[in-house]
Amino acid sequence: MATVLVVEDDRDGQEVLARMLFRAKLPVEVTGTAEDALQVLSADDHAAVVIDLALPGMDGFALLKHIRADEALAALPCVAITAFHTPTLKQQVMQAGFNAYFAKPLDDRRFILTLSELLGQG
């Protein structure tokens, strides 16, 4: 089974997401920056990407643009997460081309259910 890549700069957030995905029996890989994520995505097979919008350097929106512009990655399900939720931001996220959006703290059950559906397991 292909891995879910988590792109999250906060160490605590990385740990929470990794544990959540591990409990759901989803293989997980974690990176702390969008730049690292692009390197990892070009080298390995991934089933989905969970992207924190507020990354240092290249933000989550810019990372999504790179993913969608890459023919090999364009169809990869991408899920946005953020601690800075607003209804306007949610609308911007979905218009940008993310497949799903979640505000932190994450609703574990809903998050895993949505991710499973995106992976064709729901």
PDB file of N, CA and C in Angstrom:
ATOM      1  N   MET A   1       0.846  -1.189   0.000  1.00  0.00           N
ATOM      2  CA  MET A   1       0.000   0.000   0.000  1.00  0.00           C
ATOM      3  C   MET A   1       0.886   1.245   0.000  1.00  0.00           C
ATOM      4  N   ALA A   2       0.534   2.202  -0.811  1.00  0.00           N
ATOM      5  CA  ALA A   2       1.304   3.446  -0.897  1.00  0.00           C
ATOM      6  C   ALA A   2       1.134   4.264   0.386  1.00  0.00           C
ATOM      7  N   THR A   3       2.090   5.099   0.629  1.00  0.00           N
ATOM      8  CA  THR A   3       2.180   5.880   1.856  1.00  0.00           C
ATOM      9  C   THR A   3       1.396   7.189   1.766  1.00  0.00           C
ATOM     10  N   VAL A   4       0.908   7.650   2.913  1.00  0.00           N
ATOM     11  CA  VAL A   4       0.330   8.990   3.030  1.00  0.00           C
ATOM     12  C   VAL A   4       1.463   9.901   3.494  1.00  0.00           C
ATOM     13  N   LEU A   5       1.736  10.945   2.726  1.00  0.00           N
ATOM     14  CA  LEU A   5       2.767  11.904   3.095  1.00  0.00           C
ATOM     15  C   LEU A   5       2.131  13.030   3.897  1.00  0.00           C
ATOM     16  N   VAL A   6       2.659  13.281   5.077  1.00  0.00           N
ATOM     17  CA  VAL A   6       2.210  14.387   5.922  1.00  0.00           C
ATOM     18  C   VAL A   6       3.257  15.487   5.823  1.00  0.00           C
ATOM     19  N   VAL A   7       2.813  16.685   5.463  1.00  0.00           N
ATOM     20  CA  VAL A   7       3.705  17.837   5.370  1.00  0.00           C
ATOM     21  C   VAL A   7       3.280  18.811   6.461  1.00  0.00           C
ATOM     22  N   GLU A   8       4.014  18.783   7.551  1.00  0.00           N
ATOM     23  CA  GLU A   8       3.663  19.544   8.765  1.00  0.00           C
ATOM     24  C   GLU A   8       4.960  19.992   9.438  1.00  0.00           C
ATOM     25  N   ASP A   9       5.092  21.289   9.698  1.00  0.00           N
ATOM     26  CA  ASP A   9       6.342  21.794  10.279  1.00  0.00           C
ATOM     27  C   ASP A   9       6.397  21.677  11.803  1.00  0.00           C
ATOM     28  N   ASP A  10       5.262  21.558  12.446  1.00  0.00           N
ATOM     29  CA  ASP A  10       5.220  21.464  13.905  1.00  0.00           C
ATOM     30  C   ASP A  10       5.446  20.020  14.356  1.00  0.00           C
ATOM     31  N   ARG A  11       6.449  19.804  15.199  1.00  0.00           N
ATOM     32  CA  ARG A  11       6.801  18.438  15.649  1.00  0.00           C
ATOM     33  C   ARG A  11       5.633  17.737  16.346  1.00  0.00           C
ATOM     34  N   ASP A  12       4.922  18.466  17.208  1.00  0.00           N
ATOM     35  CA  ASP A  12       3.772  17.867  17.886  1.00  0.00           C
ATOM     36  C   ASP A  12       2.695  17.477  16.875  1.00  0.00           C
ATOM     37  N   GLY A  13       2.457  18.348  15.911  1.00  0.00           N
ATOM     38  CA  GLY A  13       1.480  18.054  14.866  1.00  0.00           C
ATOM     39  C   GLY A  13       1.884  16.849  14.041  1.00  0.00           C
ATOM     40  N   GLN A  14       3.183  16.732  13.750  1.00  0.00           N
ATOM     41  CA  GLN A  14       3.683  15.572  13.016  1.00  0.00           C
ATOM     42  C   GLN A  14       3.378  14.289  13.778  1.00  0.00           C
ATOM     43  N   GLU A  15       3.653  14.324  15.072  1.00  0.00           N
ATOM     44  CA  GLU A  15       3.453  13.135  15.910  1.00  0.00           C
ATOM     45  C   GLU A  15       1.979  12.750  15.993  1.00  0.00           C
ATOM     46  N   VAL A  16       1.112  13.729  16.201  1.00  0.00           N
ATOM     47  CA  VAL A  16      -0.329  13.475  16.294  1.00  0.00           C
ATOM     48  C   VAL A  16      -0.846  12.842  14.997  1.00  0.00           C
ATOM     49  N   LEU A  17      -0.480  13.433  13.870  1.00  0.00           N
ATOM     50  CA  LEU A  17      -0.946  12.906  12.586  1.00  0.00           C
ATOM     51  C   LEU A  17      -0.380  11.519  12.304  1.00  0.00           C
ATOM     52  N   ALA A  18       0.895  11.322  12.584  1.00  0.00           N
ATOM     53  CA  ALA A  18       1.509  10.011  12.350  1.00  0.00           C
ATOM     54  C   ALA A  18       0.829   8.937  13.181  1.00  0.00           C
ATOM     55  N   ARG A  19       0.556   9.237  14.449  1.00  0.00           N
ATOM     56  CA  ARG A  19      -0.124   8.258  15.305  1.00  0.00           C
ATOM     57  C   ARG A  19      -1.529   7.965  14.814  1.00  0.00           C
ATOM     58  N   MET A  20      -2.239   9.014  14.423  1.00  0.00           N
ATOM     59  CA  MET A  20      -3.606   8.865  13.940  1.00  0.00           C
ATOM     60  C   MET A  20      -3.641   7.956  12.704  1.00  0.00           C
ATOM     61  N   LEU A  21      -2.729   8.185  11.774  1.00  0.00           N
ATOM     62  CA  LEU A  21      -2.686   7.380  10.557  1.00  0.00           C
ATOM     63  C   LEU A  21      -2.219   5.952  10.846  1.00  0.00           C
ATOM     64  N   PHE A  22      -1.273   5.817  11.760  1.00  0.00           N
ATOM     65  CA  PHE A  22      -0.785   4.494  12.157  1.00  0.00           C
ATOM     66  C   PHE A  22      -1.926   3.663  12.759  1.00  0.00           C
ATOM     67  N   ARG A  23      -2.718   4.296  13.642  1.00  0.00           N
ATOM     68  CA  ARG A  23      -3.864   3.592  14.251  1.00  0.00           C
ATOM     69  C   ARG A  23      -4.887   3.167  13.201  1.00  0.00           C
ATOM     70  N   ALA A  24      -4.977   3.945  12.129  1.00  0.00           N
ATOM     71  CA  ALA A  24      -5.910   3.611  11.041  1.00  0.00           C
ATOM     72  C   ALA A  24      -5.278   2.639  10.039  1.00  0.00           C
ATOM     73  N   LYS A  25      -4.073   2.152  10.382  1.00  0.00           N
ATOM     74  CA  LYS A  25      -3.355   1.188   9.537  1.00  0.00           C
ATOM     75  C   LYS A  25      -3.001   1.760   8.164  1.00  0.00           C
ATOM     76  N   LEU A  26      -2.703   3.059   8.136  1.00  0.00           N
ATOM     77  CA  LEU A  26      -2.268   3.713   6.910  1.00  0.00           C
ATOM     78  C   LEU A  26      -0.775   4.028   7.029  1.00  0.00           C
ATOM     79  N   PRO A  27       0.044   3.526   6.110  1.00  0.00           N
ATOM     80  CA  PRO A  27       1.464   3.838   6.156  1.00  0.00           C
ATOM     81  C   PRO A  27       1.663   5.349   6.029  1.00  0.00           C
ATOM     82  N   VAL A  28       2.597   5.885   6.792  1.00  0.00           N
ATOM     83  CA  VAL A  28       2.776   7.336   6.821  1.00  0.00           C
ATOM     84  C   VAL A  28       4.254   7.699   6.721  1.00  0.00           C
ATOM     85  N   GLU A  29       4.501   8.808   6.061  1.00  0.00           N
ATOM     86  CA  GLU A  29       5.826   9.416   5.984  1.00  0.00           C
ATOM     87  C   GLU A  29       5.626  10.896   6.307  1.00  0.00           C
ATOM     88  N   VAL A  30       6.577  11.496   7.000  1.00  0.00           N
ATOM     89  CA  VAL A  30       6.425  12.879   7.453  1.00  0.00           C
ATOM     90  C   VAL A  30       7.591  13.730   6.952  1.00  0.00           C
ATOM     91  N   THR A  31       7.258  14.933   6.468  1.00  0.00           N
ATOM     92  CA  THR A  31       8.265  15.942   6.150  1.00  0.00           C
ATOM     93  C   THR A  31       7.861  17.241   6.818  1.00  0.00           C
ATOM     94  N   GLY A  32       8.829  18.134   7.010  1.00  0.00           N
ATOM     95  CA  GLY A  32       8.566  19.392   7.696  1.00  0.00           C
ATOM     96  C   GLY A  32       8.441  20.605   6.801  1.00  0.00           C
ATOM     97  N   THR A  33       8.779  20.442   5.511  1.00  0.00           N
ATOM     98  CA  THR A  33       8.688  21.583   4.590  1.00  0.00           C
ATOM     99  C   THR A  33       8.124  21.135   3.247  1.00  0.00           C
ATOM    100  N   ALA A  34       7.611  22.095   2.504  1.00  0.00           N
ATOM    101  CA  ALA A  34       7.090  21.813   1.164  1.00  0.00           C
ATOM    102  C   ALA A  34       8.220  21.389   0.230  1.00  0.00           C
ATOM    103  N   GLU A  35       9.370  22.018   0.401  1.00  0.00           N
ATOM    104  CA  GLU A  35      10.511  21.689  -0.448  1.00  0.00           C
ATOM    105  C   GLU A  35      10.928  20.228  -0.256  1.00  0.00           C
ATOM    106  N   ASP A  36      10.984  19.786   1.001  1.00  0.00           N
ATOM    107  CA  ASP A  36      11.294  18.374   1.277  1.00  0.00           C
ATOM    108  C   ASP A  36      10.209  17.466   0.715  1.00  0.00           C
ATOM    109  N   ALA A  37       8.966  17.897   0.827  1.00  0.00           N
ATOM    110  CA  ALA A  37       7.848  17.097   0.321  1.00  0.00           C
ATOM    111  C   ALA A  37       7.979  16.866  -1.183  1.00  0.00           C
ATOM    112  N   LEU A  38       8.363  17.887  -1.933  1.00  0.00           N
ATOM    113  CA  LEU A  38       8.509  17.729  -3.379  1.00  0.00           C
ATOM    114  C   LEU A  38       9.598  16.717  -3.721  1.00  0.00           C
ATOM    115  N   GLN A  39      10.674  16.718  -2.963  1.00  0.00           N
ATOM    116  CA  GLN A  39      11.740  15.732  -3.187  1.00  0.00           C
ATOM    117  C   GLN A  39      11.236  14.319  -2.896  1.00  0.00           C
ATOM    118  N   VAL A  40      10.537  14.162  -1.776  1.00  0.00           N
ATOM    119  CA  VAL A  40      10.014  12.858  -1.383  1.00  0.00           C
ATOM    120  C   VAL A  40       8.985  12.363  -2.406  1.00  0.00           C
ATOM    121  N   LEU A  41       8.113  13.252  -2.850  1.00  0.00           N
ATOM    122  CA  LEU A  41       7.075  12.863  -3.808  1.00  0.00           C
ATOM    123  C   LEU A  41       7.660  12.419  -5.138  1.00  0.00           C
ATOM    124  N   SER A  42       8.775  13.014  -5.530  1.00  0.00           N
ATOM    125  CA  SER A  42       9.380  12.640  -6.806  1.00  0.00           C
ATOM    126  C   SER A  42      10.123  11.312  -6.712  1.00  0.00           C
ATOM    127  N   ALA A  43      10.450  10.894  -5.501  1.00  0.00           N
ATOM    128  CA  ALA A  43      11.244   9.679  -5.320  1.00  0.00           C
ATOM    129  C   ALA A  43      10.431   8.446  -4.952  1.00  0.00           C
ATOM    130  N   ASP A  44       9.301   8.615  -4.285  1.00  0.00           N
ATOM    131  CA  ASP A  44       8.541   7.484  -3.747  1.00  0.00           C
ATOM    132  C   ASP A  44       7.091   7.524  -4.220  1.00  0.00           C
ATOM    133  N   ASP A  45       6.410   6.390  -4.055  1.00  0.00           N
ATOM    134  CA  ASP A  45       4.995   6.279  -4.396  1.00  0.00           C
ATOM    135  C   ASP A  45       4.150   6.672  -3.185  1.00  0.00           C
ATOM    136  N   HIS A  46       3.213   7.576  -3.381  1.00  0.00           N
ATOM    137  CA  HIS A  46       2.337   8.028  -2.299  1.00  0.00           C
ATOM    138  C   HIS A  46       0.883   7.937  -2.730  1.00  0.00           C
ATOM    139  N   ALA A  47       0.017   7.676  -1.752  1.00  0.00           N
ATOM    140  CA  ALA A  47      -1.413   7.546  -2.011  1.00  0.00           C
ATOM    141  C   ALA A  47      -2.145   8.866  -1.836  1.00  0.00           C
ATOM    142  N   ALA A  48      -1.598   9.740  -0.966  1.00  0.00           N
ATOM    143  CA  ALA A  48      -2.227  11.026  -0.668  1.00  0.00           C
ATOM    144  C   ALA A  48      -1.215  11.903   0.056  1.00  0.00           C
ATOM    145  N   VAL A  49      -1.536  13.193   0.108  1.00  0.00           N
ATOM    146  CA  VAL A  49      -0.690  14.145   0.830  1.00  0.00           C
ATOM    147  C   VAL A  49      -1.576  14.969   1.749  1.00  0.00           C
ATOM    148  N   VAL A  50      -1.178  15.057   3.019  1.00  0.00           N
ATOM    149  CA  VAL A  50      -1.839  15.920   4.003  1.00  0.00           C
ATOM    150  C   VAL A  50      -0.922  17.118   4.178  1.00  0.00           C
ATOM    151  N   ILE A  51      -1.440  18.318   3.883  1.00  0.00           N
ATOM    152  CA  ILE A  51      -0.599  19.515   3.816  1.00  0.00           C
ATOM    153  C   ILE A  51      -1.079  20.582   4.793  1.00  0.00           C
ATOM    154  N   ASP A  52      -0.192  20.967   5.714  1.00  0.00           N
ATOM    155  CA  ASP A  52      -0.461  22.120   6.563  1.00  0.00           C
ATOM    156  C   ASP A  52      -0.327  23.362   5.683  1.00  0.00           C
ATOM    157  N   LEU A  53      -1.279  24.256   5.756  1.00  0.00           N
ATOM    158  CA  LEU A  53      -1.247  25.439   4.892  1.00  0.00           C
ATOM    159  C   LEU A  53      -0.156  26.433   5.284  1.00  0.00           C
ATOM    160  N   ALA A  54       0.161  26.529   6.579  1.00  0.00           N
ATOM    161  CA  ALA A  54       1.111  27.530   7.069  1.00  0.00           C
ATOM    162  C   ALA A  54       2.495  26.922   7.260  1.00  0.00           C
ATOM    163  N   LEU A  55       3.128  26.564   6.154  1.00  0.00           N
ATOM    164  CA  LEU A  55       4.470  26.002   6.207  1.00  0.00           C
ATOM    165  C   LEU A  55       5.497  27.123   6.071  1.00  0.00           C
ATOM    166  N   PRO A  56       6.695  26.929   6.632  1.00  0.00           N
ATOM    167  CA  PRO A  56       7.748  27.927   6.430  1.00  0.00           C
ATOM    168  C   PRO A  56       8.235  27.869   4.982  1.00  0.00           C
ATOM    169  N   GLY A  57       8.679  28.970   4.436  1.00  0.00           N
ATOM    170  CA  GLY A  57       9.114  28.989   3.034  1.00  0.00           C
ATOM    171  C   GLY A  57       7.908  28.871   2.132  1.00  0.00           C
ATOM    172  N   MET A  58       7.883  27.832   1.316  1.00  0.00           N
ATOM    173  CA  MET A  58       6.757  27.593   0.419  1.00  0.00           C
ATOM    174  C   MET A  58       5.559  27.122   1.240  1.00  0.00           C
ATOM    175  N   ASP A  59       4.427  27.834   1.124  1.00  0.00           N
ATOM    176  CA  ASP A  59       3.245  27.451   1.914  1.00  0.00           C
ATOM    177  C   ASP A  59       2.475  26.319   1.241  1.00  0.00           C
ATOM    178  N   GLY A  60       1.411  25.879   1.902  1.00  0.00           N
ATOM    179  CA  GLY A  60       0.627  24.759   1.407  1.00  0.00           C
ATOM    180  C   GLY A  60      -0.034  24.999   0.062  1.00  0.00           C
ATOM    181  N   PHE A  61      -0.452  26.231  -0.196  1.00  0.00           N
ATOM    182  CA  PHE A  61      -1.063  26.553  -1.491  1.00  0.00           C
ATOM    183  C   PHE A  61      -0.035  26.420  -2.619  1.00  0.00           C
ATOM    184  N   ALA A  62       1.181  26.910  -2.376  1.00  0.00           N
ATOM    185  CA  ALA A  62       2.245  26.808  -3.387  1.00  0.00           C
ATOM    186  C   ALA A  62       2.627  25.352  -3.626  1.00  0.00           C
ATOM    187  N   LEU A  63       2.679  24.558  -2.556  1.00  0.00           N
ATOM    188  CA  LEU A  63       2.977  23.135  -2.704  1.00  0.00           C
ATOM    189  C   LEU A  63       1.919  22.459  -3.561  1.00  0.00           C
ATOM    190  N   LEU A  64       0.658  22.770  -3.299  1.00  0.00           N
ATOM    191  CA  LEU A  64      -0.424  22.184  -4.099  1.00  0.00           C
ATOM    192  C   LEU A  64      -0.258  22.540  -5.577  1.00  0.00           C
ATOM    193  N   LYS A  65       0.108  23.787  -5.883  1.00  0.00           N
ATOM    194  CA  LYS A  65       0.307  24.196  -7.286  1.00  0.00           C
ATOM    195  C   LYS A  65       1.393  23.355  -7.947  1.00  0.00           C
ATOM    196  N   HIS A  66       2.481  23.085  -7.233  1.00  0.00           N
ATOM    197  CA  HIS A  66       3.553  22.252  -7.776  1.00  0.00           C
ATOM    198  C   HIS A  66       3.062  20.828  -8.016  1.00  0.00           C
ATOM    199  N   ILE A  67       2.297  20.305  -7.082  1.00  0.00           N
ATOM    200  CA  ILE A  67       1.769  18.937  -7.223  1.00  0.00           C
ATOM    201  C   ILE A  67       0.834  18.855  -8.423  1.00  0.00           C
ATOM    202  N   ARG A  68      -0.087  19.793  -8.529  1.00  0.00           N
ATOM    203  CA  ARG A  68      -1.065  19.763  -9.619  1.00  0.00           C
ATOM    204  C   ARG A  68      -0.417  20.018 -10.982  1.00  0.00           C
ATOM    205  N   ALA A  69       0.725  20.717 -11.016  1.00  0.00           N
ATOM    206  CA  ALA A  69       1.420  21.006 -12.269  1.00  0.00           C
ATOM    207  C   ALA A  69       2.288  19.839 -12.742  1.00  0.00           C
ATOM    208  N   ASP A  70       2.532  18.877 -11.874  1.00  0.00           N
ATOM    209  CA  ASP A  70       3.365  17.726 -12.200  1.00  0.00           C
ATOM    210  C   ASP A  70       2.458  16.609 -12.711  1.00  0.00           C
ATOM    211  N   GLU A  71       2.646  16.237 -13.964  1.00  0.00           N
ATOM    212  CA  GLU A  71       1.771  15.237 -14.584  1.00  0.00           C
ATOM    213  C   GLU A  71       1.706  13.932 -13.793  1.00  0.00           C
ATOM    214  N   ALA A  72       2.813  13.531 -13.193  1.00  0.00           N
ATOM    215  CA  ALA A  72       2.865  12.274 -12.437  1.00  0.00           C
ATOM    216  C   ALA A  72       2.139  12.368 -11.097  1.00  0.00           C
ATOM    217  N   LEU A  73       1.965  13.591 -10.584  1.00  0.00           N
ATOM    218  CA  LEU A  73       1.363  13.782  -9.258  1.00  0.00           C
ATOM    219  C   LEU A  73      -0.005  14.451  -9.291  1.00  0.00           C
ATOM    220  N   ALA A  74      -0.404  14.966 -10.431  1.00  0.00           N
ATOM    221  CA  ALA A  74      -1.579  15.843 -10.531  1.00  0.00           C
ATOM    222  C   ALA A  74      -2.859  15.261  -9.934  1.00  0.00           C
ATOM    223  N   ALA A  75      -3.041  13.949 -10.023  1.00  0.00           N
ATOM    224  CA  ALA A  75      -4.274  13.335  -9.523  1.00  0.00           C
ATOM    225  C   ALA A  75      -4.174  12.903  -8.061  1.00  0.00           C
ATOM    226  N   LEU A  76      -3.042  13.147  -7.433  1.00  0.00           N
ATOM    227  CA  LEU A  76      -2.827  12.735  -6.042  1.00  0.00           C
ATOM    228  C   LEU A  76      -3.796  13.466  -5.113  1.00  0.00           C
ATOM    229  N   PRO A  77      -4.566  12.743  -4.286  1.00  0.00           N
ATOM    230  CA  PRO A  77      -5.455  13.425  -3.340  1.00  0.00           C
ATOM    231  C   PRO A  77      -4.643  14.263  -2.349  1.00  0.00           C
ATOM    232  N   CYS A  78      -5.057  15.518  -2.182  1.00  0.00           N
ATOM    233  CA  CYS A  78      -4.377  16.443  -1.274  1.00  0.00           C
ATOM    234  C   CYS A  78      -5.385  16.998  -0.271  1.00  0.00           C
ATOM    235  N   VAL A  79      -5.036  16.881   1.013  1.00  0.00           N
ATOM    236  CA  VAL A  79      -5.904  17.321   2.101  1.00  0.00           C
ATOM    237  C   VAL A  79      -5.227  18.474   2.825  1.00  0.00           C
ATOM    238  N   ALA A  80      -5.921  19.591   2.941  1.00  0.00           N
ATOM    239  CA  ALA A  80      -5.393  20.763   3.636  1.00  0.00           C
ATOM    240  C   ALA A  80      -5.777  20.711   5.111  1.00  0.00           C
ATOM    241  N   ILE A  81      -4.817  21.083   5.970  1.00  0.00           N
ATOM    242  CA  ILE A  81      -5.099  21.241   7.394  1.00  0.00           C
ATOM    243  C   ILE A  81      -4.567  22.595   7.834  1.00  0.00           C
ATOM    244  N   THR A  82      -5.238  23.205   8.806  1.00  0.00           N
ATOM    245  CA  THR A  82      -4.804  24.516   9.274  1.00  0.00           C
ATOM    246  C   THR A  82      -5.310  24.793  10.678  1.00  0.00           C
ATOM    247  N   ALA A  83      -4.537  25.580  11.402  1.00  0.00           N
ATOM    248  CA  ALA A  83      -4.962  26.056  12.719  1.00  0.00           C
ATOM    249  C   ALA A  83      -5.653  27.409  12.600  1.00  0.00           C
ATOM    250  N   PHE A  84      -5.659  27.966  11.400  1.00  0.00           N
ATOM    251  CA  PHE A  84      -6.179  29.326  11.193  1.00  0.00           C
ATOM    252  C   PHE A  84      -7.464  29.300  10.375  1.00  0.00           C
ATOM    253  N   HIS A  85      -8.436  28.528  10.845  1.00  0.00           N
ATOM    254  CA  HIS A  85      -9.682  28.305  10.105  1.00  0.00           C
ATOM    255  C   HIS A  85     -10.560  29.555  10.024  1.00  0.00           C
ATOM    256  N   THR A  86     -11.051  29.803   8.830  1.00  0.00           N
ATOM    257  CA  THR A  86     -12.146  30.750   8.593  1.00  0.00           C
ATOM    258  C   THR A  86     -12.981  30.164   7.451  1.00  0.00           C
ATOM    259  N   PRO A  87     -14.264  30.515   7.376  1.00  0.00           N
ATOM    260  CA  PRO A  87     -15.067  30.027   6.253  1.00  0.00           C
ATOM    261  C   PRO A  87     -14.493  30.472   4.904  1.00  0.00           C
ATOM    262  N   THR A  88     -13.940  31.676   4.859  1.00  0.00           N
ATOM    263  CA  THR A  88     -13.342  32.173   3.623  1.00  0.00           C
ATOM    264  C   THR A  88     -12.141  31.326   3.221  1.00  0.00           C
ATOM    265  N   LEU A  89     -11.310  30.969   4.203  1.00  0.00           N
ATOM    266  CA  LEU A  89     -10.143  30.136   3.919  1.00  0.00           C
ATOM    267  C   LEU A  89     -10.576  28.777   3.387  1.00  0.00           C
ATOM    268  N   LYS A  90     -11.590  28.194   3.982  1.00  0.00           N
ATOM    269  CA  LYS A  90     -12.090  26.898   3.510  1.00  0.00           C
ATOM    270  C   LYS A  90     -12.491  26.992   2.036  1.00  0.00           C
ATOM    271  N   GLN A  91     -13.173  28.054   1.680  1.00  0.00           N
ATOM    272  CA  GLN A  91     -13.599  28.255   0.299  1.00  0.00           C
ATOM    273  C   GLN A  91     -12.381  28.405  -0.625  1.00  0.00           C
ATOM    274  N   GLN A  92     -11.370  29.163  -0.182  1.00  0.00           N
ATOM    275  CA  GLN A  92     -10.154  29.345  -0.978  1.00  0.00           C
ATOM    276  C   GLN A  92      -9.426  28.011  -1.186  1.00  0.00           C
ATOM    277  N   VAL A  93      -9.388  27.208  -0.135  1.00  0.00           N
ATOM    278  CA  VAL A  93      -8.724  25.905  -0.194  1.00  0.00           C
ATOM    279  C   VAL A  93      -9.387  25.015  -1.241  1.00  0.00           C
ATOM    280  N   MET A  94     -10.692  24.938  -1.200  1.00  0.00           N
ATOM    281  CA  MET A  94     -11.402  24.069  -2.129  1.00  0.00           C
ATOM    282  C   MET A  94     -11.296  24.602  -3.568  1.00  0.00           C
ATOM    283  N   GLN A  95     -11.335  25.923  -3.733  1.00  0.00           N
ATOM    284  CA  GLN A  95     -11.179  26.502  -5.068  1.00  0.00           C
ATOM    285  C   GLN A  95      -9.769  26.293  -5.616  1.00  0.00           C
ATOM    286  N   ALA A  96      -8.784  26.209  -4.737  1.00  0.00           N
ATOM    287  CA  ALA A  96      -7.396  25.998  -5.156  1.00  0.00           C
ATOM    288  C   ALA A  96      -7.168  24.590  -5.681  1.00  0.00           C
ATOM    289  N   GLY A  97      -8.047  23.658  -5.323  1.00  0.00           N
ATOM    290  CA  GLY A  97      -7.920  22.302  -5.840  1.00  0.00           C
ATOM    291  C   GLY A  97      -7.589  21.230  -4.818  1.00  0.00           C
ATOM    292  N   PHE A  98      -7.659  21.572  -3.535  1.00  0.00           N
ATOM    293  CA  PHE A  98      -7.510  20.537  -2.512  1.00  0.00           C
ATOM    294  C   PHE A  98      -8.735  19.628  -2.560  1.00  0.00           C
ATOM    295  N   ASN A  99      -8.562  18.384  -2.153  1.00  0.00           N
ATOM    296  CA  ASN A  99      -9.671  17.428  -2.147  1.00  0.00           C
ATOM    297  C   ASN A  99     -10.489  17.480  -0.867  1.00  0.00           C
ATOM    298  N   ALA A 100      -9.888  17.996   0.210  1.00  0.00           N
ATOM    299  CA  ALA A 100     -10.591  18.090   1.495  1.00  0.00           C
ATOM    300  C   ALA A 100      -9.881  19.140   2.352  1.00  0.00           C
ATOM    301  N   TYR A 101     -10.578  19.585   3.395  1.00  0.00           N
ATOM    302  CA  TYR A 101     -10.082  20.639   4.278  1.00  0.00           C
ATOM    303  C   TYR A 101     -10.466  20.305   5.710  1.00  0.00           C
ATOM    304  N   PHE A 102      -9.514  20.478   6.629  1.00  0.00           N
ATOM    305  CA  PHE A 102      -9.780  20.250   8.047  1.00  0.00           C
ATOM    306  C   PHE A 102      -9.123  21.327   8.886  1.00  0.00           C
ATOM    307  N   ALA A 103      -9.879  21.842   9.838  1.00  0.00           N
ATOM    308  CA  ALA A 103      -9.338  22.785  10.817  1.00  0.00           C
ATOM    309  C   ALA A 103      -8.769  21.993  11.991  1.00  0.00           C
ATOM    310  N   LYS A 104      -7.691  22.509  12.561  1.00  0.00           N
ATOM    311  CA  LYS A 104      -7.102  21.919  13.771  1.00  0.00           C
ATOM    312  C   LYS A 104      -7.823  22.479  14.980  1.00  0.00           C
ATOM    313  N   PRO A 105      -7.979  21.721  16.043  1.00  0.00           N
ATOM    314  CA  PRO A 105      -7.606  20.315  16.159  1.00  0.00           C
ATOM    315  C   PRO A 105      -8.512  19.455  15.284  1.00  0.00           C
ATOM    316  N   LEU A 106      -7.929  18.414  14.725  1.00  0.00           N
ATOM    317  CA  LEU A 106      -8.652  17.556  13.798  1.00  0.00           C
ATOM    318  C   LEU A 106      -9.666  16.680  14.516  1.00  0.00           C
ATOM    319  N   ASP A 107     -10.794  16.496  13.874  1.00  0.00           N
ATOM    320  CA  ASP A 107     -11.779  15.501  14.309  1.00  0.00           C
ATOM    321  C   ASP A 107     -11.250  14.172  13.773  1.00  0.00           C
ATOM    322  N   ASP A 108     -10.624  13.375  14.641  1.00  0.00           N
ATOM    323  CA  ASP A 108      -9.924  12.151  14.227  1.00  0.00           C
ATOM    324  C   ASP A 108     -10.784  11.252  13.341  1.00  0.00           C
ATOM    325  N   ARG A 109     -11.980  10.995  13.796  1.00  0.00           N
ATOM    326  CA  ARG A 109     -12.852  10.057  13.095  1.00  0.00           C
ATOM    327  C   ARG A 109     -13.210  10.570  11.696  1.00  0.00           C
ATOM    328  N   ARG A 110     -13.622  11.820  11.617  1.00  0.00           N
ATOM    329  CA  ARG A 110     -14.005  12.400  10.330  1.00  0.00           C
ATOM    330  C   ARG A 110     -12.799  12.499   9.387  1.00  0.00           C
ATOM    331  N   PHE A 111     -11.650  12.858   9.946  1.00  0.00           N
ATOM    332  CA  PHE A 111     -10.428  12.982   9.153  1.00  0.00           C
ATOM    333  C   PHE A 111     -10.061  11.635   8.521  1.00  0.00           C
ATOM    334  N   ILE A 112     -10.017  10.579   9.320  1.00  0.00           N
ATOM    335  CA  ILE A 112      -9.653   9.245   8.822  1.00  0.00           C
ATOM    336  C   ILE A 112     -10.708   8.732   7.841  1.00  0.00           C
ATOM    337  N   LEU A 113     -11.971   8.964   8.122  1.00  0.00           N
ATOM    338  CA  LEU A 113     -13.035   8.541   7.213  1.00  0.00           C
ATOM    339  C   LEU A 113     -12.875   9.219   5.845  1.00  0.00           C
ATOM    340  N   THR A 114     -12.655  10.523   5.851  1.00  0.00           N
ATOM    341  CA  THR A 114     -12.488  11.268   4.601  1.00  0.00           C
ATOM    342  C   THR A 114     -11.247  10.794   3.852  1.00  0.00           C
ATOM    343  N   LEU A 115     -10.150  10.626   4.573  1.00  0.00           N
ATOM    344  CA  LEU A 115      -8.916  10.164   3.937  1.00  0.00           C
ATOM    345  C   LEU A 115      -9.114   8.764   3.341  1.00  0.00           C
ATOM    346  N   SER A 116      -9.773   7.895   4.058  1.00  0.00           N
ATOM    347  CA  SER A 116     -10.052   6.543   3.554  1.00  0.00           C
ATOM    348  C   SER A 116     -10.891   6.588   2.292  1.00  0.00           C
ATOM    349  N   GLU A 117     -11.873   7.479   2.264  1.00  0.00           N
ATOM    350  CA  GLU A 117     -12.703   7.628   1.071  1.00  0.00           C
ATOM    351  C   GLU A 117     -11.871   8.111  -0.115  1.00  0.00           C
ATOM    352  N   LEU A 118     -10.973   9.077   0.128  1.00  0.00           N
ATOM    353  CA  LEU A 118     -10.106   9.577  -0.930  1.00  0.00           C
ATOM    354  C   LEU A 118      -9.165   8.491  -1.456  1.00  0.00           C
ATOM    355  N   LEU A 119      -8.809   7.569  -0.590  1.00  0.00           N
ATOM    356  CA  LEU A 119      -7.921   6.473  -0.972  1.00  0.00           C
ATOM    357  C   LEU A 119      -8.680   5.286  -1.575  1.00  0.00           C
ATOM    358  N   GLY A 120     -10.015   5.432  -1.679  1.00  0.00           N
ATOM    359  CA  GLY A 120     -10.826   4.358  -2.240  1.00  0.00           C
ATOM    360  C   GLY A 120     -11.075   3.222  -1.288  1.00  0.00           C
ATOM    361  N   GLN A 121     -10.930   3.492   0.019  1.00  0.00           N
ATOM    362  CA  GLN A 121     -11.130   2.444   1.020  1.00  0.00           C
ATOM    363  C   GLN A 121     -12.421   2.640   1.802  1.00  0.00           C
ATOM    364  N   GLY A 122     -13.142   3.736   1.536  1.00  0.00           N
ATOM    365  CA  GLY A 122     -14.327   4.036   2.335  1.00  0.00           C
ATOM    366  C   GLY A 122     -15.605   3.660   1.666  1.00  0.00           C
TER     367      GLY A 122
END
